[in-house]
Structures are given as C-alpha cells and as structure tokens.
Amino acid sequence: MQLEIVTPDKKVFQGEVTEATFPGASGAFQVLNNHAPIVSALAKGAVSFTTKEGKQSMIVDGGVVEVKNNVIVVLAEKVVS
C-alpha cells in the first residue's frame, strides 16, 4: 500500500507500507492491504505504520484520512515531532 502524510506546510512521509494504524475520531483503527474505501476524521494521536525498514510512528494533531485502492492519504493539521 502507498501511504502519504501531508500537512499544510509540507509532505511529511510518502512510501510503501504493509499496515497503518490511525487515531480515528471514534477510536483507533488499522488499515491493511485491500481495505474497503473509507474517509475518517482523525483525533490527536499516534499514526503508526510498518515499512520494510520497520515500525514508524508520528503524532498528528487532527486531520482526515482517506483510503482507496490501496492508497492512503493523511491530511494532518500538523505533525508533532
């Protein structure tokens, strides 16, 4: 799957992932390969994902995630280091 994390200022991450977990507004959820299309609001919390280099994580301060055809796009209000 392709994951892209974008803030209003810059592209924070783009790459291939095997899974991703998001802090949904109604609770955390995980996206795996061939997930059904979804659009969800994000609460403040950790976005974690697994690349071939291993597990990575970053804190987003709200936003929206869209999953469609194995492409995940996160529009984050900001990413806290």
C-alpha atoms as a PDB file:
ATOM      1  CA  MET A   1       0.000   0.000   0.000  1.00  0.00           C
ATOM      2  CA  GLN A   2       1.100   3.548  -0.612  1.00  0.00           C
ATOM      3  CA  LEU A   3       0.934   5.990   2.349  1.00  0.00           C
ATOM      4  CA  GLU A   4       1.210   9.758   2.062  1.00  0.00           C
ATOM      5  CA  ILE A   5       1.121  12.073   5.092  1.00  0.00           C
ATOM      6  CA  VAL A   6       0.748  15.764   4.274  1.00  0.00           C
ATOM      7  CA  THR A   7       0.424  18.926   6.384  1.00  0.00           C
ATOM      8  CA  PRO A   8      -0.415  22.410   5.071  1.00  0.00           C
ATOM      9  CA  ASP A   9       3.343  23.146   5.170  1.00  0.00           C
ATOM     10  CA  LYS A  10       4.969  20.035   3.677  1.00  0.00           C
ATOM     11  CA  LYS A  11       4.836  16.364   2.753  1.00  0.00           C
ATOM     12  CA  VAL A  12       5.894  14.535   5.918  1.00  0.00           C
ATOM     13  CA  PHE A  13       6.047  10.961   4.579  1.00  0.00           C
ATOM     14  CA  GLN A  14       5.485   9.080   1.349  1.00  0.00           C
ATOM     15  CA  GLY A  15       6.242   5.418   0.850  1.00  0.00           C
ATOM     16  CA  GLU A  16       5.194   1.794   0.764  1.00  0.00           C
ATOM     17  CA  VAL A  17       3.681   0.326   3.965  1.00  0.00           C
ATOM     18  CA  THR A  18       2.277  -3.077   4.931  1.00  0.00           C
ATOM     19  CA  GLU A  19      -0.134  -1.725   7.568  1.00  0.00           C
ATOM     20  CA  ALA A  20      -1.084   1.556   9.225  1.00  0.00           C
ATOM     21  CA  THR A  21      -2.935   2.463  12.433  1.00  0.00           C
ATOM     22  CA  PHE A  22      -4.778   5.756  12.917  1.00  0.00           C
ATOM     23  CA  PRO A  23      -6.349   7.655  15.842  1.00  0.00           C
ATOM     24  CA  GLY A  24      -9.866   7.901  14.427  1.00  0.00           C
ATOM     25  CA  ALA A  25     -12.306  10.409  15.927  1.00  0.00           C
ATOM     26  CA  SER A  26     -14.392   7.439  17.159  1.00  0.00           C
ATOM     27  CA  GLY A  27     -11.433   5.272  18.163  1.00  0.00           C
ATOM     28  CA  ALA A  28      -8.251   3.822  16.713  1.00  0.00           C
ATOM     29  CA  PHE A  29      -8.394   1.657  13.598  1.00  0.00           C
ATOM     30  CA  GLN A  30      -5.981  -0.280  11.424  1.00  0.00           C
ATOM     31  CA  VAL A  31      -5.753  -0.416   7.634  1.00  0.00           C
ATOM     32  CA  LEU A  32      -4.378  -3.481   5.862  1.00  0.00           C
ATOM     33  CA  ASN A  33      -3.927  -4.294   2.167  1.00  0.00           C
ATOM     34  CA  ASN A  34      -7.167  -4.223   0.110  1.00  0.00           C
ATOM     35  CA  HIS A  35      -9.081  -2.326   2.823  1.00  0.00           C
ATOM     36  CA  ALA A  36     -12.531  -1.072   1.838  1.00  0.00           C
ATOM     37  CA  PRO A  37     -12.648   2.615   0.841  1.00  0.00           C
ATOM     38  CA  ILE A  38     -13.050   4.892   3.861  1.00  0.00           C
ATOM     39  CA  VAL A  39     -12.798   8.543   4.849  1.00  0.00           C
ATOM     40  CA  SER A  40     -12.381   9.296   8.550  1.00  0.00           C
ATOM     41  CA  ALA A  41     -11.700  12.273  10.781  1.00  0.00           C
ATOM     42  CA  LEU A  42      -8.592  11.928  12.915  1.00  0.00           C
ATOM     43  CA  ALA A  43      -8.231  12.869  16.566  1.00  0.00           C
ATOM     44  CA  LYS A  44      -4.912  13.947  18.072  1.00  0.00           C
ATOM     45  CA  GLY A  45      -2.792  10.844  18.500  1.00  0.00           C
ATOM     46  CA  ALA A  46      -0.230   8.477  17.057  1.00  0.00           C
ATOM     47  CA  VAL A  47      -0.202   7.382  13.442  1.00  0.00           C
ATOM     48  CA  SER A  48       1.926   4.242  13.194  1.00  0.00           C
ATOM     49  CA  PHE A  49       2.867   2.263  10.126  1.00  0.00           C
ATOM     50  CA  THR A  50       5.204  -0.530   9.077  1.00  0.00           C
ATOM     51  CA  THR A  51       7.666  -0.096   6.211  1.00  0.00           C
ATOM     52  CA  LYS A  52      10.326  -2.527   5.037  1.00  0.00           C
ATOM     53  CA  GLU A  53      12.696  -0.682   7.421  1.00  0.00           C
ATOM     54  CA  GLY A  54      10.386  -1.419  10.380  1.00  0.00           C
ATOM     55  CA  LYS A  55       7.730   0.242  12.509  1.00  0.00           C
ATOM     56  CA  GLN A  56       7.467   4.043  12.473  1.00  0.00           C
ATOM     57  CA  SER A  57       5.221   6.413  14.369  1.00  0.00           C
ATOM     58  CA  MET A  58       4.359  10.119  14.500  1.00  0.00           C
ATOM     59  CA  ILE A  59       1.837  12.246  16.395  1.00  0.00           C
ATOM     60  CA  VAL A  60      -0.788  14.102  14.360  1.00  0.00           C
ATOM     61  CA  ASP A  61      -2.854  16.953  15.743  1.00  0.00           C
ATOM     62  CA  GLY A  62      -6.110  16.027  13.998  1.00  0.00           C
ATOM     63  CA  GLY A  63      -6.953  15.820  10.321  1.00  0.00           C
ATOM     64  CA  VAL A  64      -8.556  13.469   7.807  1.00  0.00           C
ATOM     65  CA  VAL A  65      -7.532  10.123   6.308  1.00  0.00           C
ATOM     66  CA  GLU A  66      -8.763   8.651   3.023  1.00  0.00           C
ATOM     67  CA  VAL A  67      -8.216   5.023   1.981  1.00  0.00           C
ATOM     68  CA  LYS A  68      -8.978   3.990  -1.596  1.00  0.00           C
ATOM     69  CA  ASN A  69      -7.450   1.363  -3.928  1.00  0.00           C
ATOM     70  CA  ASN A  70      -4.517   0.644  -1.554  1.00  0.00           C
ATOM     71  CA  VAL A  71      -3.590   4.343  -1.407  1.00  0.00           C
ATOM     72  CA  ILE A  72      -3.791   6.048   1.997  1.00  0.00           C
ATOM     73  CA  VAL A  73      -3.699   9.849   2.141  1.00  0.00           C
ATOM     74  CA  VAL A  74      -3.493  11.605   5.514  1.00  0.00           C
ATOM     75  CA  LEU A  75      -4.208  15.332   5.555  1.00  0.00           C
ATOM     76  CA  ALA A  76      -2.928  16.268   9.013  1.00  0.00           C
ATOM     77  CA  GLU A  77      -3.446  19.652  10.632  1.00  0.00           C
ATOM     78  CA  LYS A  78       0.104  19.323  11.947  1.00  0.00           C
ATOM     79  CA  VAL A  79       2.602  16.648  12.869  1.00  0.00           C
ATOM     80  CA  VAL A  80       4.218  16.955  16.286  1.00  0.00           C
ATOM     81  CA  SER A  81       7.791  15.682  16.439  1.00  0.00           C
END
